Amino acid sequence: ASDYALAQGAHVITQSYSWWWTDQPDYEAFRRQSDTVLAAGILHVNSG
C-alpha cells in the first residue's frame, strides 16, 4: 500500500497500523519503508 501511495502521488501517508501480536516485527523492514517515504519527500504518520 505504501508503494502504491508513493507511485500514485500521495503527499501524506497515514498508517494506523500496530503490532499487537506476540512476536516482534522486523524493525528493519518498517524502517526501510519509512526511509523510502522520507526520501521521496512524503510525510508518514503512524499510530502510536
ModelCIF file with pLDDT and N, C-alpha, C, O atoms, coordinates in Angstrom:
data_MODEL
#
_entry.id   MODEL 
#
_entity.id                         1 
_entity.type                       polymer 
_entity.pdbx_number_of_molecules   1 
#
_entity_poly.entity_id                      1 
_entity_poly.type                           'polypeptide(L)' 
_entity_poly.nstd_linkage                   no 
_entity_poly.nstd_monomer                   no 
_entity_poly.pdbx_seq_one_letter_code       ASDYALAQGAHVITQSYSWWWTDQPDYEAFRRQSDTVLAAGILHVNSG 
_entity_poly.pdbx_seq_one_letter_code_can   ASDYALAQGAHVITQSYSWWWTDQPDYEAFRRQSDTVLAAGILHVNSG 
_entity_poly.pdbx_strand_id                 A 
#
loop_
_entity_poly_seq.entity_id 
_entity_poly_seq.num 
_entity_poly_seq.mon_id 
_entity_poly_seq.hetero 
1 1  ALA n 
1 2  SER n 
1 3  ASP n 
1 4  TYR n 
1 5  ALA n 
1 6  LEU n 
1 7  ALA n 
1 8  GLN n 
1 9  GLY n 
1 10 ALA n 
1 11 HIS n 
1 12 VAL n 
1 13 ILE n 
1 14 THR n 
1 15 GLN n 
1 16 SER n 
1 17 TYR n 
1 18 SER n 
1 19 TRP n 
1 20 TRP n 
1 21 TRP n 
1 22 THR n 
1 23 ASP n 
1 24 GLN n 
1 25 PRO n 
1 26 ASP n 
1 27 TYR n 
1 28 GLU n 
1 29 ALA n 
1 30 PHE n 
1 31 ARG n 
1 32 ARG n 
1 33 GLN n 
1 34 SER n 
1 35 ASP n 
1 36 THR n 
1 37 VAL n 
1 38 LEU n 
1 39 ALA n 
1 40 ALA n 
1 41 GLY n 
1 42 ILE n 
1 43 LEU n 
1 44 HIS n 
1 45 VAL n 
1 46 ASN n 
1 47 SER n 
1 48 GLY n 
#
_struct_asym.id          A 
_struct_asym.entity_id   1 
#
loop_
_ma_qa_metric.id 
_ma_qa_metric.mode 
_ma_qa_metric.name 
_ma_qa_metric.software_group_id 
_ma_qa_metric.type 
1 global pLDDT . pLDDT 
2 local  pLDDT . pLDDT 
#
_ma_qa_metric_global.metric_id      1 
_ma_qa_metric_global.metric_value   86.94 
_ma_qa_metric_global.model_id       1 
_ma_qa_metric_global.ordinal_id     1 
#
loop_
_ma_qa_metric_local.label_asym_id 
_ma_qa_metric_local.label_comp_id 
_ma_qa_metric_local.label_seq_id 
_ma_qa_metric_local.metric_id 
_ma_qa_metric_local.metric_value 
_ma_qa_metric_local.model_id 
_ma_qa_metric_local.ordinal_id 
A ALA 1  2 97.00 1 1  
A SER 2  2 97.00 1 2  
A ASP 3  2 98.00 1 3  
A TYR 4  2 98.00 1 4  
A ALA 5  2 98.00 1 5  
A LEU 6  2 97.00 1 6  
A ALA 7  2 97.00 1 7  
A GLN 8  2 97.00 1 8  
A GLY 9  2 97.00 1 9  
A ALA 10 2 98.00 1 10 
A HIS 11 2 97.00 1 11 
A VAL 12 2 97.00 1 12 
A ILE 13 2 97.00 1 13 
A THR 14 2 95.00 1 14 
A GLN 15 2 90.00 1 15 
A SER 16 2 79.00 1 16 
A TYR 17 2 72.00 1 17 
A SER 18 2 63.00 1 18 
A TRP 19 2 57.00 1 19 
A TRP 20 2 53.00 1 20 
A TRP 21 2 47.00 1 21 
A THR 22 2 45.00 1 22 
A ASP 23 2 60.00 1 23 
A GLN 24 2 68.00 1 24 
A PRO 25 2 75.00 1 25 
A ASP 26 2 84.00 1 26 
A TYR 27 2 87.00 1 27 
A GLU 28 2 93.00 1 28 
A ALA 29 2 94.00 1 29 
A PHE 30 2 91.00 1 30 
A ARG 31 2 93.00 1 31 
A ARG 32 2 96.00 1 32 
A GLN 33 2 95.00 1 33 
A SER 34 2 94.00 1 34 
A ASP 35 2 96.00 1 35 
A THR 36 2 97.00 1 36 
A VAL 37 2 97.00 1 37 
A LEU 38 2 95.00 1 38 
A ALA 39 2 97.00 1 39 
A ALA 40 2 97.00 1 40 
A GLY 41 2 97.00 1 41 
A ILE 42 2 97.00 1 42 
A LEU 43 2 95.00 1 43 
A HIS 44 2 93.00 1 44 
A VAL 45 2 90.00 1 45 
A ASN 46 2 84.00 1 46 
A SER 47 2 76.00 1 47 
A GLY 48 2 66.00 1 48 
#
loop_
_atom_site.group_PDB 
_atom_site.id 
_atom_site.type_symbol 
_atom_site.label_atom_id 
_atom_site.label_alt_id 
_atom_site.label_comp_id 
_atom_site.label_asym_id 
_atom_site.label_entity_id 
_atom_site.label_seq_id 
_atom_site.pdbx_PDB_ins_code 
_atom_site.Cartn_x 
_atom_site.Cartn_y 
_atom_site.Cartn_z 
_atom_site.occupancy 
_atom_site.B_iso_or_equiv 
_atom_site.pdbx_formal_charge 
_atom_site.auth_seq_id 
_atom_site.auth_comp_id 
_atom_site.auth_asym_id 
_atom_site.auth_atom_id 
_atom_site.pdbx_PDB_model_num 
ATOM 1   N N  . ALA A 1 1  ? 0.829  -1.206  0.000  1.00 97.00 ? 1  ALA A N  1 
ATOM 2   C CA . ALA A 1 1  ? 0.000  0.000   0.000  1.00 97.00 ? 1  ALA A CA 1 
ATOM 3   C C  . ALA A 1 1  ? 0.861  1.253   0.000  1.00 97.00 ? 1  ALA A C  1 
ATOM 4   O O  . ALA A 1 1  ? 0.524  2.240   -0.654 1.00 97.00 ? 1  ALA A O  1 
ATOM 5   N N  . SER A 1 2  ? 1.960  1.219   0.723  1.00 97.00 ? 2  SER A N  1 
ATOM 6   C CA . SER A 1 2  ? 2.876  2.358   0.754  1.00 97.00 ? 2  SER A CA 1 
ATOM 7   C C  . SER A 1 2  ? 3.477  2.603   -0.624 1.00 97.00 ? 2  SER A C  1 
ATOM 8   O O  . SER A 1 2  ? 3.580  3.748   -1.064 1.00 97.00 ? 2  SER A O  1 
ATOM 9   N N  . ASP A 1 3  ? 3.875  1.529   -1.306 1.00 98.00 ? 3  ASP A N  1 
ATOM 10  C CA . ASP A 1 3  ? 4.408  1.672   -2.667 1.00 98.00 ? 3  ASP A CA 1 
ATOM 11  C C  . ASP A 1 3  ? 3.359  2.291   -3.589 1.00 98.00 ? 3  ASP A C  1 
ATOM 12  O O  . ASP A 1 3  ? 3.665  3.167   -4.398 1.00 98.00 ? 3  ASP A O  1 
ATOM 13  N N  . TYR A 1 4  ? 2.133  1.830   -3.455 1.00 98.00 ? 4  TYR A N  1 
ATOM 14  C CA . TYR A 1 4  ? 1.043  2.359   -4.286 1.00 98.00 ? 4  TYR A CA 1 
ATOM 15  C C  . TYR A 1 4  ? 0.878  3.863   -4.034 1.00 98.00 ? 4  TYR A C  1 
ATOM 16  O O  . TYR A 1 4  ? 0.784  4.652   -4.974 1.00 98.00 ? 4  TYR A O  1 
ATOM 17  N N  . ALA A 1 5  ? 0.846  4.246   -2.758 1.00 98.00 ? 5  ALA A N  1 
ATOM 18  C CA . ALA A 1 5  ? 0.647  5.657   -2.417 1.00 98.00 ? 5  ALA A CA 1 
ATOM 19  C C  . ALA A 1 5  ? 1.746  6.525   -3.009 1.00 98.00 ? 5  ALA A C  1 
ATOM 20  O O  . ALA A 1 5  ? 1.470  7.603   -3.533 1.00 98.00 ? 5  ALA A O  1 
ATOM 21  N N  . LEU A 1 6  ? 2.995  6.063   -2.929 1.00 97.00 ? 6  LEU A N  1 
ATOM 22  C CA . LEU A 1 6  ? 4.105  6.822   -3.487 1.00 97.00 ? 6  LEU A CA 1 
ATOM 23  C C  . LEU A 1 6  ? 3.966  6.967   -5.000 1.00 97.00 ? 6  LEU A C  1 
ATOM 24  O O  . LEU A 1 6  ? 4.107  8.061   -5.546 1.00 97.00 ? 6  LEU A O  1 
ATOM 25  N N  . ALA A 1 7  ? 3.692  5.859   -5.661 1.00 97.00 ? 7  ALA A N  1 
ATOM 26  C CA . ALA A 1 7  ? 3.616  5.870   -7.124 1.00 97.00 ? 7  ALA A CA 1 
ATOM 27  C C  . ALA A 1 7  ? 2.448  6.699   -7.634 1.00 97.00 ? 7  ALA A C  1 
ATOM 28  O O  . ALA A 1 7  ? 2.516  7.270   -8.723 1.00 97.00 ? 7  ALA A O  1 
ATOM 29  N N  . GLN A 1 8  ? 1.368  6.767   -6.846 1.00 97.00 ? 8  GLN A N  1 
ATOM 30  C CA . GLN A 1 8  ? 0.156  7.462   -7.300 1.00 97.00 ? 8  GLN A CA 1 
ATOM 31  C C  . GLN A 1 8  ? 0.083  8.916   -6.842 1.00 97.00 ? 8  GLN A C  1 
ATOM 32  O O  . GLN A 1 8  ? -0.891 9.606   -7.144 1.00 97.00 ? 8  GLN A O  1 
ATOM 33  N N  . GLY A 1 9  ? 1.093  9.393   -6.119 1.00 97.00 ? 9  GLY A N  1 
ATOM 34  C CA . GLY A 1 9  ? 1.172  10.826  -5.860 1.00 97.00 ? 9  GLY A CA 1 
ATOM 35  C C  . GLY A 1 9  ? 0.667  11.322  -4.529 1.00 97.00 ? 9  GLY A C  1 
ATOM 36  O O  . GLY A 1 9  ? 0.392  12.514  -4.394 1.00 97.00 ? 9  GLY A O  1 
ATOM 37  N N  . ALA A 1 10 ? 0.531  10.454  -3.532 1.00 98.00 ? 10 ALA A N  1 
ATOM 38  C CA . ALA A 1 10 ? 0.105  10.917  -2.209 1.00 98.00 ? 10 ALA A CA 1 
ATOM 39  C C  . ALA A 1 10 ? 1.154  11.848  -1.616 1.00 98.00 ? 10 ALA A C  1 
ATOM 40  O O  . ALA A 1 10 ? 2.352  11.642  -1.813 1.00 98.00 ? 10 ALA A O  1 
ATOM 41  N N  . HIS A 1 11 ? 0.713  12.861  -0.897 1.00 97.00 ? 11 HIS A N  1 
ATOM 42  C CA . HIS A 1 11 ? 1.617  13.778  -0.213 1.00 97.00 ? 11 HIS A CA 1 
ATOM 43  C C  . HIS A 1 11 ? 1.846  13.358  1.242  1.00 97.00 ? 11 HIS A C  1 
ATOM 44  O O  . HIS A 1 11 ? 2.882  13.659  1.836  1.00 97.00 ? 11 HIS A O  1 
ATOM 45  N N  . VAL A 1 12 ? 0.857  12.655  1.800  1.00 97.00 ? 12 VAL A N  1 
ATOM 46  C CA . VAL A 1 12 ? 0.918  12.195  3.192  1.00 97.00 ? 12 VAL A CA 1 
ATOM 47  C C  . VAL A 1 12 ? 0.420  10.757  3.228  1.00 97.00 ? 12 VAL A C  1 
ATOM 48  O O  . VAL A 1 12 ? -0.535 10.409  2.533  1.00 97.00 ? 12 VAL A O  1 
ATOM 49  N N  . ILE A 1 13 ? 1.066  9.921   4.038  1.00 97.00 ? 13 ILE A N  1 
ATOM 50  C CA . ILE A 1 13 ? 0.572  8.567   4.289  1.00 97.00 ? 13 ILE A CA 1 
ATOM 51  C C  . ILE A 1 13 ? 0.256  8.458   5.770  1.00 97.00 ? 13 ILE A C  1 
ATOM 52  O O  . ILE A 1 13 ? 1.141  8.626   6.609  1.00 97.00 ? 13 ILE A O  1 
ATOM 53  N N  . THR A 1 14 ? -0.998 8.178   6.097  1.00 95.00 ? 14 THR A N  1 
ATOM 54  C CA . THR A 1 14 ? -1.340 7.885   7.477  1.00 95.00 ? 14 THR A CA 1 
ATOM 55  C C  . THR A 1 14 ? -1.610 6.394   7.572  1.00 95.00 ? 14 THR A C  1 
ATOM 56  O O  . THR A 1 14 ? -2.484 5.866   6.885  1.00 95.00 ? 14 THR A O  1 
ATOM 57  N N  . GLN A 1 15 ? -0.856 5.724   8.426  1.00 90.00 ? 15 GLN A N  1 
ATOM 58  C CA . GLN A 1 15 ? -0.892 4.267   8.508  1.00 90.00 ? 15 GLN A CA 1 
ATOM 59  C C  . GLN A 1 15 ? -1.190 3.874   9.952  1.00 90.00 ? 15 GLN A C  1 
ATOM 60  O O  . GLN A 1 15 ? -0.283 3.756   10.775 1.00 90.00 ? 15 GLN A O  1 
ATOM 61  N N  . SER A 1 16 ? -2.450 3.677   10.239 1.00 79.00 ? 16 SER A N  1 
ATOM 62  C CA . SER A 1 16 ? -2.852 3.317   11.601 1.00 79.00 ? 16 SER A CA 1 
ATOM 63  C C  . SER A 1 16 ? -2.655 1.817   11.771 1.00 79.00 ? 16 SER A C  1 
ATOM 64  O O  . SER A 1 16 ? -3.592 1.028   11.653 1.00 79.00 ? 16 SER A O  1 
ATOM 65  N N  . TYR A 1 17 ? -1.418 1.449   12.050 1.00 72.00 ? 17 TYR A N  1 
ATOM 66  C CA . TYR A 1 17 ? -1.019 0.043   11.991 1.00 72.00 ? 17 TYR A CA 1 
ATOM 67  C C  . TYR A 1 17 ? -0.154 -0.253  13.205 1.00 72.00 ? 17 TYR A C  1 
ATOM 68  O O  . TYR A 1 17 ? 0.920  0.327   13.361 1.00 72.00 ? 17 TYR A O  1 
ATOM 69  N N  . SER A 1 18 ? -0.620 -1.156  14.070 1.00 63.00 ? 18 SER A N  1 
ATOM 70  C CA . SER A 1 18 ? 0.128  -1.502  15.270 1.00 63.00 ? 18 SER A CA 1 
ATOM 71  C C  . SER A 1 18 ? 0.444  -2.982  15.286 1.00 63.00 ? 18 SER A C  1 
ATOM 72  O O  . SER A 1 18 ? -0.249 -3.782  14.659 1.00 63.00 ? 18 SER A O  1 
ATOM 73  N N  . TRP A 1 19 ? 1.493  -3.341  16.004 1.00 57.00 ? 19 TRP A N  1 
ATOM 74  C CA . TRP A 1 19 ? 1.912  -4.737  16.083 1.00 57.00 ? 19 TRP A CA 1 
ATOM 75  C C  . TRP A 1 19 ? 1.388  -5.300  17.406 1.00 57.00 ? 19 TRP A C  1 
ATOM 76  O O  . TRP A 1 19 ? 2.019  -5.129  18.449 1.00 57.00 ? 19 TRP A O  1 
ATOM 77  N N  . TRP A 1 20 ? 0.257  -5.958  17.361 1.00 53.00 ? 20 TRP A N  1 
ATOM 78  C CA . TRP A 1 20 ? -0.400 -6.381  18.596 1.00 53.00 ? 20 TRP A CA 1 
ATOM 79  C C  . TRP A 1 20 ? -0.113 -7.828  18.960 1.00 53.00 ? 20 TRP A C  1 
ATOM 80  O O  . TRP A 1 20 ? -0.539 -8.289  20.018 1.00 53.00 ? 20 TRP A O  1 
ATOM 81  N N  . TRP A 1 21 ? 0.608  -8.560  18.098 1.00 47.00 ? 21 TRP A N  1 
ATOM 82  C CA . TRP A 1 21 ? 0.796  -9.960  18.410 1.00 47.00 ? 21 TRP A CA 1 
ATOM 83  C C  . TRP A 1 21 ? 2.098  -10.176 19.171 1.00 47.00 ? 21 TRP A C  1 
ATOM 84  O O  . TRP A 1 21 ? 2.843  -9.229  19.423 1.00 47.00 ? 21 TRP A O  1 
ATOM 85  N N  . THR A 1 22 ? 2.364  -11.407 19.528 1.00 45.00 ? 22 THR A N  1 
ATOM 86  C CA . THR A 1 22 ? 3.418  -11.681 20.500 1.00 45.00 ? 22 THR A CA 1 
ATOM 87  C C  . THR A 1 22 ? 4.822  -11.512 19.940 1.00 45.00 ? 22 THR A C  1 
ATOM 88  O O  . THR A 1 22 ? 5.668  -10.907 20.599 1.00 45.00 ? 22 THR A O  1 
ATOM 89  N N  . ASP A 1 23 ? 5.099  -12.023 18.748 1.00 60.00 ? 23 ASP A N  1 
ATOM 90  C CA . ASP A 1 23 ? 6.449  -11.865 18.220 1.00 60.00 ? 23 ASP A CA 1 
ATOM 91  C C  . ASP A 1 23 ? 6.628  -10.464 17.645 1.00 60.00 ? 23 ASP A C  1 
ATOM 92  O O  . ASP A 1 23 ? 5.677  -9.851  17.160 1.00 60.00 ? 23 ASP A O  1 
ATOM 93  N N  . GLN A 1 24 ? 7.832  -9.980  17.705 1.00 68.00 ? 24 GLN A N  1 
ATOM 94  C CA . GLN A 1 24 ? 8.102  -8.602  17.307 1.00 68.00 ? 24 GLN A CA 1 
ATOM 95  C C  . GLN A 1 24 ? 8.197  -8.457  15.786 1.00 68.00 ? 24 GLN A C  1 
ATOM 96  O O  . GLN A 1 24 ? 8.523  -9.412  15.081 1.00 68.00 ? 24 GLN A O  1 
ATOM 97  N N  . PRO A 1 25 ? 7.908  -7.261  15.297 1.00 75.00 ? 25 PRO A N  1 
ATOM 98  C CA . PRO A 1 25 ? 8.027  -7.033  13.854 1.00 75.00 ? 25 PRO A CA 1 
ATOM 99  C C  . PRO A 1 25 ? 9.486  -6.976  13.434 1.00 75.00 ? 25 PRO A C  1 
ATOM 100 O O  . PRO A 1 25 ? 10.385 -6.872  14.268 1.00 75.00 ? 25 PRO A O  1 
ATOM 101 N N  . ASP A 1 26 ? 9.704  -7.044  12.133 1.00 84.00 ? 26 ASP A N  1 
ATOM 102 C CA . ASP A 1 26 ? 11.042 -6.842  11.617 1.00 84.00 ? 26 ASP A CA 1 
ATOM 103 C C  . ASP A 1 26 ? 11.240 -5.334  11.470 1.00 84.00 ? 26 ASP A C  1 
ATOM 104 O O  . ASP A 1 26 ? 10.810 -4.725  10.489 1.00 84.00 ? 26 ASP A O  1 
ATOM 105 N N  . TYR A 1 27 ? 11.896 -4.753  12.463 1.00 87.00 ? 27 TYR A N  1 
ATOM 106 C CA . TYR A 1 27 ? 12.006 -3.297  12.504 1.00 87.00 ? 27 TYR A CA 1 
ATOM 107 C C  . TYR A 1 27 ? 12.743 -2.744  11.288 1.00 87.00 ? 27 TYR A C  1 
ATOM 108 O O  . TYR A 1 27 ? 12.435 -1.647  10.822 1.00 87.00 ? 27 TYR A O  1 
ATOM 109 N N  . GLU A 1 28 ? 13.714 -3.495  10.772 1.00 93.00 ? 28 GLU A N  1 
ATOM 110 C CA . GLU A 1 28 ? 14.450 -3.002  9.615  1.00 93.00 ? 28 GLU A CA 1 
ATOM 111 C C  . GLU A 1 28 ? 13.539 -2.826  8.415  1.00 93.00 ? 28 GLU A C  1 
ATOM 112 O O  . GLU A 1 28 ? 13.666 -1.841  7.686  1.00 93.00 ? 28 GLU A O  1 
ATOM 113 N N  . ALA A 1 29 ? 12.619 -3.763  8.192  1.00 94.00 ? 29 ALA A N  1 
ATOM 114 C CA . ALA A 1 29 ? 11.718 -3.658  7.048  1.00 94.00 ? 29 ALA A CA 1 
ATOM 115 C C  . ALA A 1 29 ? 10.832 -2.420  7.167  1.00 94.00 ? 29 ALA A C  1 
ATOM 116 O O  . ALA A 1 29 ? 10.641 -1.694  6.191  1.00 94.00 ? 29 ALA A O  1 
ATOM 117 N N  . PHE A 1 30 ? 10.290 -2.178  8.364  1.00 91.00 ? 30 PHE A N  1 
ATOM 118 C CA . PHE A 1 30 ? 9.447  -0.993  8.549  1.00 91.00 ? 30 PHE A CA 1 
ATOM 119 C C  . PHE A 1 30 ? 10.282 0.283   8.471  1.00 91.00 ? 30 PHE A C  1 
ATOM 120 O O  . PHE A 1 30 ? 9.800  1.308   7.987  1.00 91.00 ? 30 PHE A O  1 
ATOM 121 N N  . ARG A 1 31 ? 11.532 0.231   8.945  1.00 93.00 ? 31 ARG A N  1 
ATOM 122 C CA . ARG A 1 31 ? 12.405 1.391   8.818  1.00 93.00 ? 31 ARG A CA 1 
ATOM 123 C C  . ARG A 1 31 ? 12.692 1.677   7.349  1.00 93.00 ? 31 ARG A C  1 
ATOM 124 O O  . ARG A 1 31 ? 12.735 2.838   6.942  1.00 93.00 ? 31 ARG A O  1 
ATOM 125 N N  . ARG A 1 32 ? 12.886 0.644   6.561  1.00 96.00 ? 32 ARG A N  1 
ATOM 126 C CA . ARG A 1 32 ? 13.109 0.847   5.132  1.00 96.00 ? 32 ARG A CA 1 
ATOM 127 C C  . ARG A 1 32 ? 11.898 1.536   4.491  1.00 96.00 ? 32 ARG A C  1 
ATOM 128 O O  . ARG A 1 32 ? 12.054 2.446   3.677  1.00 96.00 ? 32 ARG A O  1 
ATOM 129 N N  . GLN A 1 33 ? 10.709 1.099   4.862  1.00 95.00 ? 33 GLN A N  1 
ATOM 130 C CA . GLN A 1 33 ? 9.515  1.745   4.331  1.00 95.00 ? 33 GLN A CA 1 
ATOM 131 C C  . GLN A 1 33 ? 9.537  3.232   4.656  1.00 95.00 ? 33 GLN A C  1 
ATOM 132 O O  . GLN A 1 33 ? 9.311  4.065   3.778  1.00 95.00 ? 33 GLN A O  1 
ATOM 133 N N  . SER A 1 34 ? 9.808  3.572   5.920  1.00 94.00 ? 34 SER A N  1 
ATOM 134 C CA . SER A 1 34 ? 9.823  4.975   6.342  1.00 94.00 ? 34 SER A CA 1 
ATOM 135 C C  . SER A 1 34 ? 10.926 5.758   5.630  1.00 94.00 ? 34 SER A C  1 
ATOM 136 O O  . SER A 1 34 ? 10.725 6.911   5.250  1.00 94.00 ? 34 SER A O  1 
ATOM 137 N N  . ASP A 1 35 ? 12.103 5.127   5.449  1.00 96.00 ? 35 ASP A N  1 
ATOM 138 C CA . ASP A 1 35 ? 13.202 5.818   4.779  1.00 96.00 ? 35 ASP A CA 1 
ATOM 139 C C  . ASP A 1 35 ? 12.875 6.137   3.330  1.00 96.00 ? 35 ASP A C  1 
ATOM 140 O O  . ASP A 1 35 ? 13.207 7.216   2.838  1.00 96.00 ? 35 ASP A O  1 
ATOM 141 N N  . THR A 1 36 ? 12.222 5.196   2.641  1.00 97.00 ? 36 THR A N  1 
ATOM 142 C CA . THR A 1 36 ? 11.855 5.435   1.243  1.00 97.00 ? 36 THR A CA 1 
ATOM 143 C C  . THR A 1 36 ? 10.828 6.551   1.138  1.00 97.00 ? 36 THR A C  1 
ATOM 144 O O  . THR A 1 36 ? 10.929 7.417   0.269  1.00 97.00 ? 36 THR A O  1 
ATOM 145 N N  . VAL A 1 37 ? 9.848  6.529   2.017  1.00 97.00 ? 37 VAL A N  1 
ATOM 146 C CA . VAL A 1 37 ? 8.818  7.580   2.025  1.00 97.00 ? 37 VAL A CA 1 
ATOM 147 C C  . VAL A 1 37 ? 9.455  8.935   2.302  1.00 97.00 ? 37 VAL A C  1 
ATOM 148 O O  . VAL A 1 37 ? 9.142  9.919   1.632  1.00 97.00 ? 37 VAL A O  1 
ATOM 149 N N  . LEU A 1 38 ? 10.347 8.989   3.288  1.00 95.00 ? 38 LEU A N  1 
ATOM 150 C CA . LEU A 1 38 ? 11.018 10.244  3.629  1.00 95.00 ? 38 LEU A CA 1 
ATOM 151 C C  . LEU A 1 38 ? 11.859 10.748  2.467  1.00 95.00 ? 38 LEU A C  1 
ATOM 152 O O  . LEU A 1 38 ? 11.827 11.935  2.143  1.00 95.00 ? 38 LEU A O  1 
ATOM 153 N N  . ALA A 1 39 ? 12.609 9.852   1.840  1.00 97.00 ? 39 ALA A N  1 
ATOM 154 C CA . ALA A 1 39 ? 13.450 10.265  0.720  1.00 97.00 ? 39 ALA A CA 1 
ATOM 155 C C  . ALA A 1 39 ? 12.625 10.866  -0.406 1.00 97.00 ? 39 ALA A C  1 
ATOM 156 O O  . ALA A 1 39 ? 13.075 11.786  -1.089 1.00 97.00 ? 39 ALA A O  1 
ATOM 157 N N  . ALA A 1 40 ? 11.408 10.342  -0.601 1.00 97.00 ? 40 ALA A N  1 
ATOM 158 C CA . ALA A 1 40 ? 10.524 10.854  -1.653 1.00 97.00 ? 40 ALA A CA 1 
ATOM 159 C C  . ALA A 1 40 ? 9.862  12.167  -1.271 1.00 97.00 ? 40 ALA A C  1 
ATOM 160 O O  . ALA A 1 40 ? 9.130  12.747  -2.074 1.00 97.00 ? 40 ALA A O  1 
ATOM 161 N N  . GLY A 1 41 ? 10.109 12.648  -0.047 1.00 97.00 ? 41 GLY A N  1 
ATOM 162 C CA . GLY A 1 41 ? 9.522  13.910  0.391  1.00 97.00 ? 41 GLY A CA 1 
ATOM 163 C C  . GLY A 1 41 ? 8.098  13.785  0.890  1.00 97.00 ? 41 GLY A C  1 
ATOM 164 O O  . GLY A 1 41 ? 7.359  14.769  0.924  1.00 97.00 ? 41 GLY A O  1 
ATOM 165 N N  . ILE A 1 42 ? 7.710  12.579  1.279  1.00 97.00 ? 42 ILE A N  1 
ATOM 166 C CA . ILE A 1 42 ? 6.348  12.316  1.734  1.00 97.00 ? 42 ILE A CA 1 
ATOM 167 C C  . ILE A 1 42 ? 6.332  12.225  3.255  1.00 97.00 ? 42 ILE A C  1 
ATOM 168 O O  . ILE A 1 42 ? 7.242  11.656  3.857  1.00 97.00 ? 42 ILE A O  1 
ATOM 169 N N  . LEU A 1 43 ? 5.307  12.780  3.866  1.00 95.00 ? 43 LEU A N  1 
ATOM 170 C CA . LEU A 1 43 ? 5.141  12.692  5.312  1.00 95.00 ? 43 LEU A CA 1 
ATOM 171 C C  . LEU A 1 43 ? 4.445  11.384  5.663  1.00 95.00 ? 43 LEU A C  1 
ATOM 172 O O  . LEU A 1 43 ? 3.359  11.096  5.158  1.00 95.00 ? 43 LEU A O  1 
ATOM 173 N N  . HIS A 1 44 ? 5.075  10.589  6.532  1.00 93.00 ? 44 HIS A N  1 
ATOM 174 C CA . HIS A 1 44 ? 4.490  9.326   7.004  1.00 93.00 ? 44 HIS A CA 1 
ATOM 175 C C  . HIS A 1 44 ? 4.068  9.508   8.453  1.00 93.00 ? 44 HIS A C  1 
ATOM 176 O O  . HIS A 1 44 ? 4.871  9.880   9.308  1.00 93.00 ? 44 HIS A O  1 
ATOM 177 N N  . VAL A 1 45 ? 2.783  9.237   8.715  1.00 90.00 ? 45 VAL A N  1 
ATOM 178 C CA . VAL A 1 45 ? 2.243  9.346   10.068 1.00 90.00 ? 45 VAL A CA 1 
ATOM 179 C C  . VAL A 1 45 ? 1.738  7.979   10.480 1.00 90.00 ? 45 VAL A C  1 
ATOM 180 O O  . VAL A 1 45 ? 0.956  7.362   9.757  1.00 90.00 ? 45 VAL A O  1 
ATOM 181 N N  . ASN A 1 46 ? 2.175  7.499   11.632 1.00 84.00 ? 46 ASN A N  1 
ATOM 182 C CA . ASN A 1 46 ? 1.754  6.177   12.090 1.00 84.00 ? 46 ASN A CA 1 
ATOM 183 C C  . ASN A 1 46 ? 1.130  6.271   13.465 1.00 84.00 ? 46 ASN A C  1 
ATOM 184 O O  . ASN A 1 46 ? 1.487  7.138   14.263 1.00 84.00 ? 46 ASN A O  1 
ATOM 185 N N  . SER A 1 47 ? 0.193  5.371   13.739 1.00 76.00 ? 47 SER A N  1 
ATOM 186 C CA . SER A 1 47 ? -0.438 5.334   15.053 1.00 76.00 ? 47 SER A CA 1 
ATOM 187 C C  . SER A 1 47 ? 0.585  4.947   16.110 1.00 76.00 ? 47 SER A C  1 
ATOM 188 O O  . SER A 1 47 ? 1.577  4.279   15.820 1.00 76.00 ? 47 SER A O  1 
ATOM 189 N N  . GLY A 1 48 ? 0.328  5.377   17.338 1.00 66.00 ? 48 GLY A N  1 
ATOM 190 C CA . GLY A 1 48 ? 1.187  5.020   18.454 1.00 66.00 ? 48 GLY A CA 1 
ATOM 191 C C  . GLY A 1 48 ? 0.606  3.894   19.274 1.00 66.00 ? 48 GLY A C  1 
ATOM 192 O O  . GLY A 1 48 ? 1.211  3.471   20.259 1.00 66.00 ? 48 GLY A O  1 
#
